[in-house]
C-alpha atoms as a PDB file:
ATOM      1  CA  MET A   1      16.419  -1.953   3.137  1.00  0.00           C
ATOM      2  CA  ASP A   2      13.461  -0.127   4.694  1.00  0.00           C
ATOM      3  CA  PHE A   3      10.819  -1.771   6.884  1.00  0.00           C
ATOM      4  CA  GLY A   4       7.198  -0.929   7.472  1.00  0.00           C
ATOM      5  CA  LEU A   5       4.168  -2.228   9.344  1.00  0.00           C
ATOM      6  CA  HIS A   6       0.497  -2.597   8.499  1.00  0.00           C
ATOM      7  CA  LEU A   7      -1.728  -0.545  10.810  1.00  0.00           C
ATOM      8  CA  PRO A   8      -4.098  -2.767  12.857  1.00  0.00           C
ATOM      9  CA  ALA A   9      -7.117  -0.539  12.273  1.00  0.00           C
ATOM     10  CA  SER A  10      -9.720  -2.992  10.956  1.00  0.00           C
ATOM     11  CA  SER A  11     -11.346  -3.874  14.260  1.00  0.00           C
ATOM     12  CA  ALA A  12     -13.758  -2.043  16.530  1.00  0.00           C
ATOM     13  CA  ASN A  13     -11.772  -3.448  19.464  1.00  0.00           C
ATOM     14  CA  VAL A  14      -8.790  -1.294  18.538  1.00  0.00           C
ATOM     15  CA  LYS A  15      -9.269   2.131  20.120  1.00  0.00           C
ATOM     16  CA  PRO A  16      -7.772   5.445  18.963  1.00  0.00           C
ATOM     17  CA  VAL A  17      -5.287   5.374  21.849  1.00  0.00           C
ATOM     18  CA  ASP A  18      -4.127   1.920  20.680  1.00  0.00           C
ATOM     19  CA  LEU A  19      -3.458   3.240  17.176  1.00  0.00           C
ATOM     20  CA  VAL A  20      -1.493   6.177  18.553  1.00  0.00           C
ATOM     21  CA  ARG A  21       0.618   3.844  20.709  1.00  0.00           C
ATOM     22  CA  PHE A  22       1.223   1.598  17.693  1.00  0.00           C
ATOM     23  CA  ALA A  23       2.323   4.505  15.480  1.00  0.00           C
ATOM     24  CA  GLN A  24       4.531   6.076  18.143  1.00  0.00           C
ATOM     25  CA  GLN A  25       6.218   2.788  19.030  1.00  0.00           C
ATOM     26  CA  ALA A  26       6.812   2.021  15.344  1.00  0.00           C
ATOM     27  CA  GLU A  27       8.428   5.425  14.957  1.00  0.00           C
ATOM     28  CA  ALA A  28      10.560   4.976  18.087  1.00  0.00           C
ATOM     29  CA  LEU A  29      11.781   1.608  16.790  1.00  0.00           C
ATOM     30  CA  GLY A  30      12.837   3.131  13.485  1.00  0.00           C
ATOM     31  CA  PHE A  31      10.266   1.722  11.075  1.00  0.00           C
ATOM     32  CA  TYR A  32      10.053   3.542   7.748  1.00  0.00           C
ATOM     33  CA  CYS A  33       6.299   3.606   7.224  1.00  0.00           C
ATOM     34  CA  LEU A  34       2.860   2.443   8.294  1.00  0.00           C
ATOM     35  CA  THR A  35       0.380   1.201   5.701  1.00  0.00           C
ATOM     36  CA  VAL A  36      -3.354   1.826   5.999  1.00  0.00           C
ATOM     37  CA  ALA A  37      -6.005  -0.261   4.212  1.00  0.00           C
ATOM     38  CA  ASP A  38      -8.852   1.203   2.153  1.00  0.00           C
ATOM     39  CA  HIS A  39     -12.513   0.212   2.035  1.00  0.00           C
ATOM     40  CA  VAL A  40     -15.382   2.671   2.188  1.00  0.00           C
ATOM     41  CA  ILE A  41     -18.154   0.119   2.577  1.00  0.00           C
ATOM     42  CA  VAL A  42     -18.221  -3.688   2.431  1.00  0.00           C
ATOM     43  CA  PRO A  43     -21.232  -5.203   0.621  1.00  0.00           C
ATOM     44  CA  LYS A  44     -22.937  -8.100   2.365  1.00  0.00           C
ATOM     45  CA  ASN A  45     -22.982 -10.106  -0.863  1.00  0.00           C
ATOM     46  CA  ILE A  46     -19.661 -10.207  -2.741  1.00  0.00           C
ATOM     47  CA  SER A  47     -19.611 -12.004  -6.095  1.00  0.00           C
ATOM     48  CA  ILE A  48     -15.883 -11.926  -6.871  1.00  0.00           C
ATOM     49  CA  PRO A  49     -13.544 -14.180  -4.833  1.00  0.00           C
ATOM     50  CA  TYR A  50     -11.068 -12.415  -2.593  1.00  0.00           C
ATOM     51  CA  PRO A  51      -7.650 -13.039  -4.190  1.00  0.00           C
ATOM     52  CA  TYR A  52      -5.616 -13.478  -0.981  1.00  0.00           C
ATOM     53  CA  THR A  53      -7.463 -16.269   0.864  1.00  0.00           C
ATOM     54  CA  VAL A  54      -7.699 -19.953  -0.016  1.00  0.00           C
ATOM     55  CA  ASP A  55     -11.499 -20.066   0.229  1.00  0.00           C
ATOM     56  CA  GLY A  56     -11.958 -16.783  -1.631  1.00  0.00           C
ATOM     57  CA  LYS A  57     -13.861 -15.218   1.246  1.00  0.00           C
ATOM     58  CA  TYR A  58     -13.141 -11.669   2.318  1.00  0.00           C
ATOM     59  CA  PRO A  59     -11.743 -11.994   5.875  1.00  0.00           C
ATOM     60  CA  GLY A  60     -12.751  -8.617   7.274  1.00  0.00           C
ATOM     61  CA  THR A  61     -15.716  -7.754   9.480  1.00  0.00           C
ATOM     62  CA  GLY A  62     -16.594  -4.666   7.452  1.00  0.00           C
ATOM     63  CA  TYR A  63     -15.097  -2.324  10.055  1.00  0.00           C
ATOM     64  CA  HIS A  64     -12.814   0.169   8.299  1.00  0.00           C
ATOM     65  CA  LEU A  65     -11.744   3.606   9.445  1.00  0.00           C
ATOM     66  CA  GLU A  66     -11.532   5.937   6.463  1.00  0.00           C
ATOM     67  CA  THR A  67      -7.987   5.819   5.160  1.00  0.00           C
ATOM     68  CA  LEU A  68      -7.000   9.466   4.777  1.00  0.00           C
ATOM     69  CA  THR A  69      -8.746  10.493   7.983  1.00  0.00           C
ATOM     70  CA  THR A  70      -6.822   7.812   9.879  1.00  0.00           C
ATOM     71  CA  MET A  71      -3.511   8.853   8.340  1.00  0.00           C
ATOM     72  CA  SER A  72      -4.176  12.490   9.238  1.00  0.00           C
ATOM     73  CA  PHE A  73      -5.002  11.609  12.841  1.00  0.00           C
ATOM     74  CA  LEU A  74      -1.816   9.591  13.306  1.00  0.00           C
ATOM     75  CA  ALA A  75       0.413  12.021  11.411  1.00  0.00           C
ATOM     76  CA  GLY A  76      -0.490  14.557  14.086  1.00  0.00           C
ATOM     77  CA  ALA A  77       0.703  12.148  16.787  1.00  0.00           C
ATOM     78  CA  THR A  78       4.087  11.398  15.151  1.00  0.00           C
ATOM     79  CA  GLN A  79       6.999  13.305  13.665  1.00  0.00           C
ATOM     80  CA  ARG A  80       9.043  11.132  11.295  1.00  0.00           C
ATOM     81  CA  ILE A  81       7.313   7.926  10.252  1.00  0.00           C
ATOM     82  CA  ARG A  82       5.641   7.898   6.831  1.00  0.00           C
ATOM     83  CA  PHE A  83       2.069   6.816   6.090  1.00  0.00           C
ATOM     84  CA  ALA A  84       1.106   4.852   2.984  1.00  0.00           C
ATOM     85  CA  THR A  85      -2.322   3.982   1.647  1.00  0.00           C
ATOM     86  CA  SER A  86      -2.173   0.228   1.023  1.00  0.00           C
ATOM     87  CA  VAL A  87      -3.826   0.362  -1.196  1.00  0.00           C
ATOM     88  CA  MET A  88      -6.192   3.203  -1.984  1.00  0.00           C
ATOM     89  CA  ILE A  89      -8.636   2.161  -4.692  1.00  0.00           C
ATOM     90  CA  ALA A  90      -8.223   4.932  -7.236  1.00  0.00           C
ATOM     91  CA  PRO A  91     -11.712   4.940  -8.827  1.00  0.00           C
ATOM     92  CA  TYR A  92     -13.549   5.272  -5.484  1.00  0.00           C
ATOM     93  CA  ARG A  93     -12.882   8.999  -5.019  1.00  0.00           C
ATOM     94  CA  ASN A  94     -13.087  12.146  -7.095  1.00  0.00           C
ATOM     95  CA  PRO A  95      -9.514  12.672  -8.335  1.00  0.00           C
ATOM     96  CA  ILE A  96      -9.367  16.434  -7.752  1.00  0.00           C
ATOM     97  CA  ILE A  97     -10.653  16.185  -4.187  1.00  0.00           C
ATOM     98  CA  THR A  98      -8.372  13.205  -3.506  1.00  0.00           C
ATOM     99  CA  ALA A  99      -5.340  15.049  -4.873  1.00  0.00           C
ATOM    100  CA  LYS A 100      -6.227  18.001  -2.637  1.00  0.00           C
ATOM    101  CA  MET A 101      -6.553  15.852   0.478  1.00  0.00           C
ATOM    102  CA  LEU A 102      -3.252  14.094  -0.189  1.00  0.00           C
ATOM    103  CA  ALA A 103      -1.410  17.351  -0.922  1.00  0.00           C
ATOM    104  CA  SER A 104      -2.831  18.928   2.235  1.00  0.00           C
ATOM    105  CA  LEU A 105      -1.781  15.938   4.334  1.00  0.00           C
ATOM    106  CA  ASP A 106       1.686  16.010   2.810  1.00  0.00           C
ATOM    107  CA  VAL A 107       2.022  19.673   3.815  1.00  0.00           C
ATOM    108  CA  LEU A 108       0.643  19.178   7.326  1.00  0.00           C
ATOM    109  CA  SER A 109       2.747  16.069   7.987  1.00  0.00           C
ATOM    110  CA  GLY A 110       5.970  17.562   6.689  1.00  0.00           C
ATOM    111  CA  GLY A 111       6.161  15.407   3.578  1.00  0.00           C
ATOM    112  CA  ARG A 112       5.348  11.961   4.989  1.00  0.00           C
ATOM    113  CA  VAL A 113       2.682  10.696   2.581  1.00  0.00           C
ATOM    114  CA  ILE A 114       2.991   7.707   0.236  1.00  0.00           C
ATOM    115  CA  VAL A 115       0.112   6.803  -2.062  1.00  0.00           C
ATOM    116  CA  GLY A 116      -0.247   3.080  -2.545  1.00  0.00           C
ATOM    117  CA  LEU A 117      -2.751   2.850  -5.397  1.00  0.00           C
ATOM    118  CA  GLY A 118      -4.738  -0.025  -6.874  1.00  0.00           C
ATOM    119  CA  VAL A 119      -7.552  -0.679  -9.324  1.00  0.00           C
ATOM    120  CA  GLY A 120      -9.744  -2.641  -6.870  1.00  0.00           C
ATOM    121  CA  TRP A 121     -11.493  -5.981  -7.025  1.00  0.00           C
ATOM    122  CA  MET A 122     -14.804  -5.746  -5.083  1.00  0.00           C
ATOM    123  CA  LYS A 123     -17.363  -5.011  -7.825  1.00  0.00           C
ATOM    124  CA  GLU A 124     -20.265  -4.427  -5.457  1.00  0.00           C
ATOM    125  CA  GLU A 125     -18.318  -1.731  -3.630  1.00  0.00           C
ATOM    126  CA  PHE A 126     -17.821   0.046  -6.964  1.00  0.00           C
ATOM    127  CA  ASP A 127     -21.552  -0.256  -7.689  1.00  0.00           C
ATOM    128  CA  ASN A 128     -22.605   1.214  -4.332  1.00  0.00           C
ATOM    129  CA  LEU A 129     -20.174   4.119  -4.613  1.00  0.00           C
ATOM    130  CA  ALA A 130     -21.404   4.982  -8.112  1.00  0.00           C
ATOM    131  CA  THR A 131     -17.861   4.984  -9.501  1.00  0.00           C
ATOM    132  CA  PRO A 132     -16.948   4.791 -13.171  1.00  0.00           C
ATOM    133  CA  ALA A 133     -17.698   1.333 -14.558  1.00  0.00           C
ATOM    134  CA  PHE A 134     -15.925  -1.559 -12.840  1.00  0.00           C
ATOM    135  CA  ALA A 135     -14.718  -2.840 -16.225  1.00  0.00           C
ATOM    136  CA  GLU A 136     -12.986   0.502 -16.841  1.00  0.00           C
ATOM    137  CA  ARG A 137     -11.131   0.593 -13.505  1.00  0.00           C
ATOM    138  CA  GLY A 138      -7.682   0.123 -15.039  1.00  0.00           C
ATOM    139  CA  ARG A 139      -8.119   3.012 -17.463  1.00  0.00           C
ATOM    140  CA  VAL A 140      -9.626   5.144 -14.702  1.00  0.00           C
ATOM    141  CA  THR A 141      -6.657   4.479 -12.438  1.00  0.00           C
ATOM    142  CA  ASP A 142      -4.120   5.361 -15.143  1.00  0.00           C
ATOM    143  CA  GLU A 143      -5.953   8.598 -15.862  1.00  0.00           C
ATOM    144  CA  TYR A 144      -6.287   9.572 -12.199  1.00  0.00           C
ATOM    145  CA  ILE A 145      -2.549   9.020 -11.645  1.00  0.00           C
ATOM    146  CA  ARG A 146      -1.782  11.413 -14.483  1.00  0.00           C
ATOM    147  CA  ALA A 147      -4.296  13.894 -13.101  1.00  0.00           C
ATOM    148  CA  PHE A 148      -2.685  13.723  -9.641  1.00  0.00           C
ATOM    149  CA  ARG A 149       0.726  14.440 -11.137  1.00  0.00           C
ATOM    150  CA  GLU A 150      -0.615  17.394 -13.088  1.00  0.00           C
ATOM    151  CA  LEU A 151      -2.341  18.917 -10.045  1.00  0.00           C
ATOM    152  CA  TRP A 152       0.659  18.367  -7.775  1.00  0.00           C
ATOM    153  CA  THR A 153       3.328  19.760 -10.103  1.00  0.00           C
ATOM    154  CA  SER A 154       1.866  22.234 -12.599  1.00  0.00           C
ATOM    155  CA  ASP A 155       1.481  25.960 -11.956  1.00  0.00           C
ATOM    156  CA  ASN A 156      -1.425  25.948 -14.394  1.00  0.00           C
ATOM    157  CA  PRO A 157      -3.039  22.498 -14.019  1.00  0.00           C
ATOM    158  CA  THR A 158      -4.864  21.373 -17.132  1.00  0.00           C
ATOM    159  CA  PHE A 159      -6.148  17.920 -17.929  1.00  0.00           C
ATOM    160  CA  SER A 160      -8.482  16.524 -20.565  1.00  0.00           C
ATOM    161  CA  GLY A 161      -9.433  12.871 -20.257  1.00  0.00           C
ATOM    162  CA  GLN A 162     -12.311  10.459 -20.517  1.00  0.00           C
ATOM    163  CA  PHE A 163     -12.925  10.349 -16.762  1.00  0.00           C
ATOM    164  CA  CYS A 164     -11.393  13.592 -15.490  1.00  0.00           C
ATOM    165  CA  ASN A 165     -11.199  17.138 -16.833  1.00  0.00           C
ATOM    166  CA  PHE A 166     -10.035  20.453 -15.395  1.00  0.00           C
ATOM    167  CA  SER A 167      -8.488  23.720 -16.553  1.00  0.00           C
ATOM    168  CA  ASN A 168      -8.128  27.396 -15.585  1.00  0.00           C
ATOM    169  CA  ILE A 169      -7.786  26.555 -11.880  1.00  0.00           C
ATOM    170  CA  VAL A 170      -5.526  27.320  -8.954  1.00  0.00           C
ATOM    171  CA  PHE A 171      -4.461  24.215  -7.049  1.00  0.00           C
ATOM    172  CA  LEU A 172      -2.608  25.084  -3.844  1.00  0.00           C
ATOM    173  CA  PRO A 173      -0.830  24.092  -1.733  1.00  0.00           C
ATOM    174  CA  LYS A 174       1.424  21.783  -3.670  1.00  0.00           C
ATOM    175  CA  PRO A 175       2.892  18.779  -1.818  1.00  0.00           C
ATOM    176  CA  ILE A 176       6.113  19.308   0.114  1.00  0.00           C
ATOM    177  CA  GLN A 177       7.724  16.253  -1.459  1.00  0.00           C
ATOM    178  CA  LYS A 178       9.463  16.988  -4.728  1.00  0.00           C
ATOM    179  CA  PRO A 179       8.981  16.352  -7.518  1.00  0.00           C
ATOM    180  CA  THR A 180       5.736  14.922  -6.129  1.00  0.00           C
ATOM    181  CA  ILE A 181       4.150  12.534  -3.626  1.00  0.00           C
ATOM    182  CA  PRO A 182       5.433   8.999  -4.405  1.00  0.00           C
ATOM    183  CA  ILE A 183       2.888   6.586  -5.850  1.00  0.00           C
ATOM    184  CA  TRP A 184       3.326   2.854  -5.287  1.00  0.00           C
ATOM    185  CA  ILE A 185       1.272   0.658  -7.606  1.00  0.00           C
ATOM    186  CA  GLY A 186      -0.337  -2.277  -5.816  1.00  0.00           C
ATOM    187  CA  GLY A 187      -0.984  -5.674  -7.367  1.00  0.00           C
ATOM    188  CA  HIS A 188       0.881  -8.748  -8.553  1.00  0.00           C
ATOM    189  CA  SER A 189      -0.409  -9.061 -12.130  1.00  0.00           C
ATOM    190  CA  LYS A 190       1.645  -8.246 -15.199  1.00  0.00           C
ATOM    191  CA  GLN A 191      -0.644  -5.270 -15.814  1.00  0.00           C
ATOM    192  CA  ALA A 192       0.115  -3.933 -12.321  1.00  0.00           C
ATOM    193  CA  ILE A 193       3.854  -4.332 -12.962  1.00  0.00           C
ATOM    194  CA  ARG A 194       3.485  -2.536 -16.296  1.00  0.00           C
ATOM    195  CA  ARG A 195       1.521   0.284 -14.601  1.00  0.00           C
ATOM    196  CA  ALA A 196       4.241   0.635 -11.954  1.00  0.00           C
ATOM    197  CA  ALA A 197       6.914   0.787 -14.637  1.00  0.00           C
ATOM    198  CA  ARG A 198       5.099   3.430 -16.689  1.00  0.00           C
ATOM    199  CA  LEU A 199       3.421   5.571 -14.037  1.00  0.00           C
ATOM    200  CA  GLY A 200       4.590   4.646 -10.549  1.00  0.00           C
ATOM    201  CA  ASP A 201       7.374   5.448  -8.143  1.00  0.00           C
ATOM    202  CA  GLY A 202       7.117   1.963  -6.712  1.00  0.00           C
ATOM    203  CA  TRP A 203       5.657  -1.501  -7.187  1.00  0.00           C
ATOM    204  CA  HIS A 204       3.787  -2.768  -4.107  1.00  0.00           C
ATOM    205  CA  PRO A 205       2.744  -6.439  -4.310  1.00  0.00           C
ATOM    206  CA  ILE A 206       1.562  -8.825  -1.588  1.00  0.00           C
ATOM    207  CA  GLY A 207       3.530 -12.035  -1.068  1.00  0.00           C
ATOM    208  CA  GLY A 208       3.843 -14.897   1.347  1.00  0.00           C
ATOM    209  CA  VAL A 209       0.132 -15.761   1.413  1.00  0.00           C
ATOM    210  CA  PRO A 210      -1.098 -19.198   0.310  1.00  0.00           C
ATOM    211  CA  THR A 211      -2.800 -17.937  -2.843  1.00  0.00           C
ATOM    212  CA  ILE A 212       0.139 -15.732  -3.880  1.00  0.00           C
ATOM    213  CA  PRO A 213       3.366 -17.079  -2.382  1.00  0.00           C
ATOM    214  CA  LEU A 214       5.542 -14.798  -4.549  1.00  0.00           C
ATOM    215  CA  GLU A 215       8.696 -16.677  -3.595  1.00  0.00           C
ATOM    216  CA  PRO A 216      12.040 -14.853  -4.001  1.00  0.00           C
ATOM    217  CA  ASP A 217      12.621 -16.494  -7.383  1.00  0.00           C
ATOM    218  CA  ASP A 218       9.204 -15.238  -8.500  1.00  0.00           C
ATOM    219  CA  ALA A 219       9.993 -11.771  -7.174  1.00  0.00           C
ATOM    220  CA  ARG A 220      13.309 -11.797  -9.033  1.00  0.00           C
ATOM    221  CA  LYS A 221      11.521 -12.580 -12.319  1.00  0.00           C
ATOM    222  CA  ASP A 222       8.907  -9.901 -11.681  1.00  0.00           C
ATOM    223  CA  VAL A 223      11.582  -7.320 -10.875  1.00  0.00           C
ATOM    224  CA  ALA A 224      13.262  -8.208 -14.176  1.00  0.00           C
ATOM    225  CA  THR A 225       9.911  -7.675 -15.920  1.00  0.00           C
ATOM    226  CA  LEU A 226       9.507  -4.350 -14.115  1.00  0.00           C
ATOM    227  CA  THR A 227      12.982  -3.342 -15.284  1.00  0.00           C
ATOM    228  CA  GLU A 228      12.175  -4.290 -18.880  1.00  0.00           C
ATOM    229  CA  PHE A 229       8.898  -2.351 -18.883  1.00  0.00           C
ATOM    230  CA  ALA A 230      10.518   0.701 -17.262  1.00  0.00           C
ATOM    231  CA  ARG A 231      13.305   0.845 -19.836  1.00  0.00           C
ATOM    232  CA  ALA A 232      10.769   0.480 -22.635  1.00  0.00           C
ATOM    233  CA  ALA A 233       8.928   3.479 -21.161  1.00  0.00           C
ATOM    234  CA  GLY A 234      12.147   5.495 -21.070  1.00  0.00           C
ATOM    235  CA  ARG A 235      12.424   5.378 -17.284  1.00  0.00           C
ATOM    236  CA  ASP A 236      15.259   4.437 -14.933  1.00  0.00           C
ATOM    237  CA  PRO A 237      14.184   1.212 -13.170  1.00  0.00           C
ATOM    238  CA  LYS A 238      16.474   2.034 -10.241  1.00  0.00           C
ATOM    239  CA  GLN A 239      14.142   4.921  -9.411  1.00  0.00           C
ATOM    240  CA  ILE A 240      11.200   2.538  -8.866  1.00  0.00           C
ATOM    241  CA  ARG A 241      10.945   1.167  -5.342  1.00  0.00           C
ATOM    242  CA  VAL A 242       9.913  -2.478  -4.798  1.00  0.00           C
ATOM    243  CA  ALA A 243       7.884  -2.641  -1.582  1.00  0.00           C
ATOM    244  CA  LEU A 244       6.656  -6.139  -0.713  1.00  0.00           C
ATOM    245  CA  LYS A 245       3.827  -6.546   1.776  1.00  0.00           C
ATOM    246  CA  GLY A 246       3.843  -9.835   3.666  1.00  0.00           C
ATOM    247  CA  SER A 247       0.277  -9.972   4.972  1.00  0.00           C
ATOM    248  CA  LEU A 248      -1.257 -12.774   7.042  1.00  0.00           C
ATOM    249  CA  PHE A 249      -4.777 -13.338   5.786  1.00  0.00           C
ATOM    250  CA  ASP A 250      -4.720 -17.103   6.358  1.00  0.00           C
ATOM    251  CA  LYS A 251      -3.551 -19.034   9.398  1.00  0.00           C
ATOM    252  CA  GLU A 252      -1.885 -21.906   7.534  1.00  0.00           C
ATOM    253  CA  LYS A 253       1.783 -22.097   8.395  1.00  0.00           C
ATOM    254  CA  LYS A 254       2.721 -23.980   5.257  1.00  0.00           C
ATOM    255  CA  ILE A 255       2.294 -23.532   1.531  1.00  0.00           C
ATOM    256  CA  GLU A 256       2.404 -26.798  -0.413  1.00  0.00           C
ATOM    257  CA  GLY A 257       4.274 -28.475   2.428  1.00  0.00           C
ATOM    258  CA  ARG A 258       6.753 -25.615   2.914  1.00  0.00           C
ATOM    259  CA  ARG A 259       6.939 -23.163   5.764  1.00  0.00           C
ATOM    260  CA  ARG A 260       5.214 -19.932   4.905  1.00  0.00           C
ATOM    261  CA  ARG A 261       7.467 -16.963   4.432  1.00  0.00           C
ATOM    262  CA  PHE A 262       7.645 -14.492   7.332  1.00  0.00           C
ATOM    263  CA  MET A 263       6.432 -17.056   9.862  1.00  0.00           C
ATOM    264  CA  GLY A 264       8.572 -18.922  12.370  1.00  0.00           C
ATOM    265  CA  GLU A 265      11.648 -18.117  14.417  1.00  0.00           C
ATOM    266  CA  ALA A 266      13.590 -14.866  14.163  1.00  0.00           C
ATOM    267  CA  GLU A 267      16.418 -16.298  12.076  1.00  0.00           C
ATOM    268  CA  GLU A 268      13.957 -17.943   9.657  1.00  0.00           C
ATOM    269  CA  ILE A 269      12.192 -14.636   9.027  1.00  0.00           C
ATOM    270  CA  ALA A 270      15.509 -12.765   8.786  1.00  0.00           C
ATOM    271  CA  SER A 271      16.645 -15.314   6.203  1.00  0.00           C
ATOM    272  CA  ASP A 272      13.434 -14.721   4.232  1.00  0.00           C
ATOM    273  CA  ILE A 273      14.122 -10.983   4.227  1.00  0.00           C
ATOM    274  CA  ARG A 274      17.655 -11.524   2.993  1.00  0.00           C
ATOM    275  CA  ASP A 275      16.342 -13.735   0.185  1.00  0.00           C
ATOM    276  CA  TYR A 276      13.888 -11.063  -0.944  1.00  0.00           C
ATOM    277  CA  ARG A 277      16.517  -8.344  -0.679  1.00  0.00           C
ATOM    278  CA  ALA A 278      18.734 -10.383  -3.005  1.00  0.00           C
ATOM    279  CA  ALA A 279      15.775 -10.666  -5.405  1.00  0.00           C
ATOM    280  CA  GLY A 280      15.508  -6.874  -5.671  1.00  0.00           C
ATOM    281  CA  VAL A 281      13.027  -5.975  -2.923  1.00  0.00           C
ATOM    282  CA  ASP A 282      14.097  -2.829  -1.078  1.00  0.00           C
ATOM    283  CA  THR A 283      11.143  -2.336   1.305  1.00  0.00           C
ATOM    284  CA  MET A 284       9.359  -4.953   3.437  1.00  0.00           C
ATOM    285  CA  ILE A 285       5.970  -4.336   5.056  1.00  0.00           C
ATOM    286  CA  PHE A 286       4.924  -6.703   7.863  1.00  0.00           C
ATOM    287  CA  ASP A 287       1.599  -7.481   9.485  1.00  0.00           C
ATOM    288  CA  VAL A 288       2.171  -7.958  13.225  1.00  0.00           C
ATOM    289  CA  ARG A 289      -1.464  -7.919  14.367  1.00  0.00           C
ATOM    290  CA  ARG A 290      -2.297 -10.105  17.335  1.00  0.00           C
ATOM    291  CA  ALA A 291      -5.374 -10.735  19.499  1.00  0.00           C
ATOM    292  CA  SER A 292      -4.669  -7.807  21.814  1.00  0.00           C
ATOM    293  CA  SER A 293      -2.959  -4.442  21.451  1.00  0.00           C
ATOM    294  CA  ALA A 294      -0.369  -5.444  24.047  1.00  0.00           C
ATOM    295  CA  GLU A 295       0.525  -8.604  22.083  1.00  0.00           C
ATOM    296  CA  THR A 296       0.705  -6.574  18.867  1.00  0.00           C
ATOM    297  CA  LEU A 297       3.159  -4.099  20.404  1.00  0.00           C
ATOM    298  CA  GLU A 298       5.253  -6.981  21.746  1.00  0.00           C
ATOM    299  CA  ARG A 299       5.342  -8.580  18.306  1.00  0.00           C
ATOM    300  CA  MET A 300       6.415  -5.286  16.758  1.00  0.00           C
ATOM    301  CA  GLU A 301       9.280  -4.921  19.208  1.00  0.00           C
ATOM    302  CA  TRP A 302      10.323  -8.538  18.611  1.00  0.00           C
ATOM    303  CA  MET A 303      10.371  -7.912  14.857  1.00  0.00           C
ATOM    304  CA  ALA A 304      12.553  -4.823  15.287  1.00  0.00           C
ATOM    305  CA  LYS A 305      14.984  -6.150  17.870  1.00  0.00           C
ATOM    306  CA  GLU A 306      15.173  -9.849  17.065  1.00  0.00           C
ATOM    307  CA  VAL A 307      14.413 -10.157  13.365  1.00  0.00           C
ATOM    308  CA  ILE A 308      15.407  -6.954  11.597  1.00  0.00           C
ATOM    309  CA  ALA A 309      18.539  -6.664  13.721  1.00  0.00           C
ATOM    310  CA  LYS A 310      19.708  -9.954  12.190  1.00  0.00           C
ATOM    311  CA  VAL A 311      19.274  -8.675   8.631  1.00  0.00           C
END
């Protein structure tokens, strides 16, 4: 099983030097990847409830470093650890420019890019960015994924779609990773699982939060659904990674009277990991953010040496 961490980059109190220390310590401790969140702007009035908090309120302050810029900065300060967008909202960016940025970063980092991709949920952010229609975001995402693949793999990239078109172009450099940069599909819905099975290299849900506990039994059923969809699409389900992100958006330590997953003593968390591994999860992403950078680094080391060592 591989282990990753969520980058604590959504606060003005976290300085560039803190992010470099975080990335370098994560690499030294052997973590597989760091995930980086994606918002371009945060509207002051949000009409759609945030899916990962009990009260439906978006928990962030609105402070977000741009995702690909942040990944590029930290890739230059590290040598082995991978960087994953978690998740990049596909319709926010021009697909050709995005494919170029990701391919360039894959080349410059030595093949360490993972694209966590989602359809998005914050309608007002779509409206302000003048994206394709919010209601079309699923179709847009599917099309952009296919466009990425074409640009990254074809010697003569050609694509004709409703939202993206190109032909008679040179697209270089290609990514270092072969056959292409891996794409993890974010989301916990059946449609997200189906998208991962048809178009993704991984399924990347969130679990362990009060609104979406995604207990191991639930994960096992979803992995079975993923397997069914993949086989129906003519794909080998064993080639699709299952990367669960255990984020801490609420402070409640219990869900319906039970201890929340990934909270508690080292052995409790290690036991949670073993349960999810048995359910078919092969990658775990943890959120170790604390009030200060020093506390965050201590928590990371504790996770590596006290929790993961027990798994």
